[in-house]
Protein backbone atom coordinates (compact mmCIF):
# COMPACT_ATOMS: atom_id res chain seq x y z
CA UNK A 1 122.51 128.77 110.34
CA UNK A 2 118.72 128.17 110.79
CA UNK A 3 116.66 124.96 110.66
CA UNK A 4 112.88 124.70 110.43
CA UNK A 5 111.69 121.25 111.87
CA UNK A 6 108.08 120.53 110.63
CA UNK A 7 106.24 117.82 112.12
CA UNK A 8 102.72 117.38 113.69
CA UNK A 9 104.11 115.52 116.74
CA UNK A 10 105.67 117.82 119.33
CA UNK A 11 107.74 114.97 120.71
CA UNK A 12 109.23 114.32 117.24
CA UNK A 13 110.01 118.04 116.78
CA UNK A 14 111.73 118.20 120.16
CA UNK A 15 113.78 115.04 119.33
CA UNK A 16 114.85 116.21 115.86
CA UNK A 17 115.48 119.79 117.22
CA UNK A 18 117.67 118.56 120.03
CA UNK A 19 119.75 116.82 117.15
CA UNK A 20 119.66 119.79 114.84
CA UNK A 21 120.79 122.28 117.78
CA UNK A 22 123.69 119.75 118.58
CA UNK A 23 124.85 119.98 114.98
CA UNK A 24 124.82 123.84 115.47
CA UNK A 25 121.73 125.16 113.90
CA UNK A 26 119.27 127.62 115.46
CA UNK A 27 115.87 125.88 115.55
CA UNK A 28 112.46 126.87 114.36
CA UNK A 29 109.38 124.76 114.63
CA UNK A 30 106.24 124.25 112.69
CA UNK A 31 103.36 121.64 113.21
CA UNK A 32 102.26 121.39 109.70
CA UNK A 33 103.08 122.64 106.12
CA UNK A 34 100.75 125.66 106.17
CA UNK A 35 102.49 126.83 109.38
CA UNK A 36 105.95 126.11 107.97
CA UNK A 37 105.35 128.40 104.95
CA UNK A 38 104.24 131.13 107.33
CA UNK A 39 107.40 130.50 109.44
CA UNK A 40 109.67 130.72 106.22
CA UNK A 41 108.03 133.76 105.23
CA UNK A 42 108.59 135.43 108.56
CA UNK A 43 112.07 134.04 109.37
CA UNK A 44 114.08 135.47 106.38
CA UNK A 45 116.77 133.11 105.59
CA UNK A 46 116.58 129.41 106.81
CA UNK A 47 119.12 127.22 105.38
CA UNK A 48 117.36 123.85 106.36
CA UNK A 49 113.85 122.50 106.43
CA UNK A 50 113.48 118.86 107.92
CA UNK A 51 109.81 118.10 107.05
CA UNK A 52 107.58 115.13 107.73
CA UNK A 53 105.45 113.72 105.03
CA UNK A 54 102.06 112.93 107.07
CA UNK A 55 100.64 115.89 108.61
CA UNK A 56 97.27 117.51 108.97
CA UNK A 57 96.21 120.82 107.04
CA UNK A 58 99.04 120.50 104.79
CA UNK A 59 101.22 117.64 104.47
CA UNK A 60 104.99 117.57 103.79
CA UNK A 61 104.68 116.80 100.15
CA UNK A 62 102.30 119.71 99.57
CA UNK A 63 104.73 121.94 101.57
CA UNK A 64 107.53 120.86 99.44
CA UNK A 65 105.85 121.61 96.15
CA UNK A 66 104.62 125.11 97.46
CA UNK A 67 108.10 126.05 98.81
CA UNK A 68 109.81 125.04 95.61
CA UNK A 69 107.47 127.26 93.53
CA UNK A 70 108.80 130.26 95.58
CA UNK A 71 112.05 131.68 94.36
CA UNK A 72 113.06 132.92 97.71
CA UNK A 73 113.50 129.42 98.88
CA UNK A 74 115.14 127.81 95.73
CA UNK A 75 118.43 127.44 97.76
CA UNK A 76 116.91 126.34 100.98
CA UNK A 77 117.81 122.64 101.49
CA UNK A 78 114.57 120.64 102.07
CA UNK A 79 114.91 117.01 103.67
CA UNK A 80 112.07 114.85 103.98
CA UNK A 81 112.07 113.18 107.43
CA UNK A 82 109.38 110.45 107.42
CA UNK A 83 108.03 106.88 107.89
CA UNK A 84 107.22 106.76 104.40
CA UNK A 85 109.72 103.93 103.04
CA UNK A 86 108.36 103.14 99.60
CA UNK A 87 110.95 104.00 96.78
CA UNK A 88 108.06 105.45 94.84
CA UNK A 89 107.31 107.89 97.55
CA UNK A 90 111.01 108.79 98.07
CA UNK A 91 111.28 109.24 94.20
CA UNK A 92 108.27 111.44 94.15
CA UNK A 93 109.67 113.94 96.78
CA UNK A 94 113.07 114.04 95.10
CA UNK A 95 111.39 114.71 91.75
CA UNK A 96 109.45 117.41 93.37
CA UNK A 97 112.67 119.13 94.82
CA UNK A 98 113.52 117.53 98.00
CA UNK A 99 117.26 117.61 98.53
CA UNK A 100 117.53 114.55 100.75
CA UNK A 101 115.10 111.83 102.23
CA UNK A 102 115.70 110.47 105.78
CA UNK A 103 113.45 107.56 107.00
CA UNK A 104 112.47 107.58 110.80
CA UNK A 105 113.68 106.38 113.01
CA UNK A 106 117.34 107.87 112.33
CA UNK A 107 120.30 108.52 114.41
CA UNK A 108 122.27 111.80 114.80
CA UNK A 109 125.06 110.28 112.60
CA UNK A 110 122.72 109.60 109.76
CA UNK A 111 121.41 113.24 109.79
CA UNK A 112 124.94 114.47 109.91
CA UNK A 113 125.94 112.22 106.81
CA UNK A 114 122.85 113.85 104.91
CA UNK A 115 123.85 117.21 106.04
CA UNK A 116 127.38 116.67 104.73
CA UNK A 117 126.06 115.34 101.46
CA UNK A 118 124.09 118.55 100.95
CA UNK A 119 126.97 120.88 102.13
CA UNK A 120 125.56 121.94 105.39
CA UNK A 121 127.91 120.03 107.88
CA UNK A 122 131.60 119.63 107.87
């Protein structure tokens, strides 16, 4: 299975990427939402996208909306992974089509539990 980690911080992409690899995913990366849409287009099948909210060029919420408008990605699990902790922001993301919402910082166990909830981990 493939996972796309979208974050403007290379360090955060590396940390999340390490965790995702440990959970058995092949890793793809993007530095913003626009780049993430290009990666999805080029990659073919991607089962999971872990996307930050606050990024330059195209933020994670705008990426989420754009991705959900493309029928090719309707079954792709999109998980917001962000420091945005307000319930209104979380609800907005879920209403726009996010499958789950993880607040930074988080542990490997938290990510694993969320992946179990969406059916991508045993």
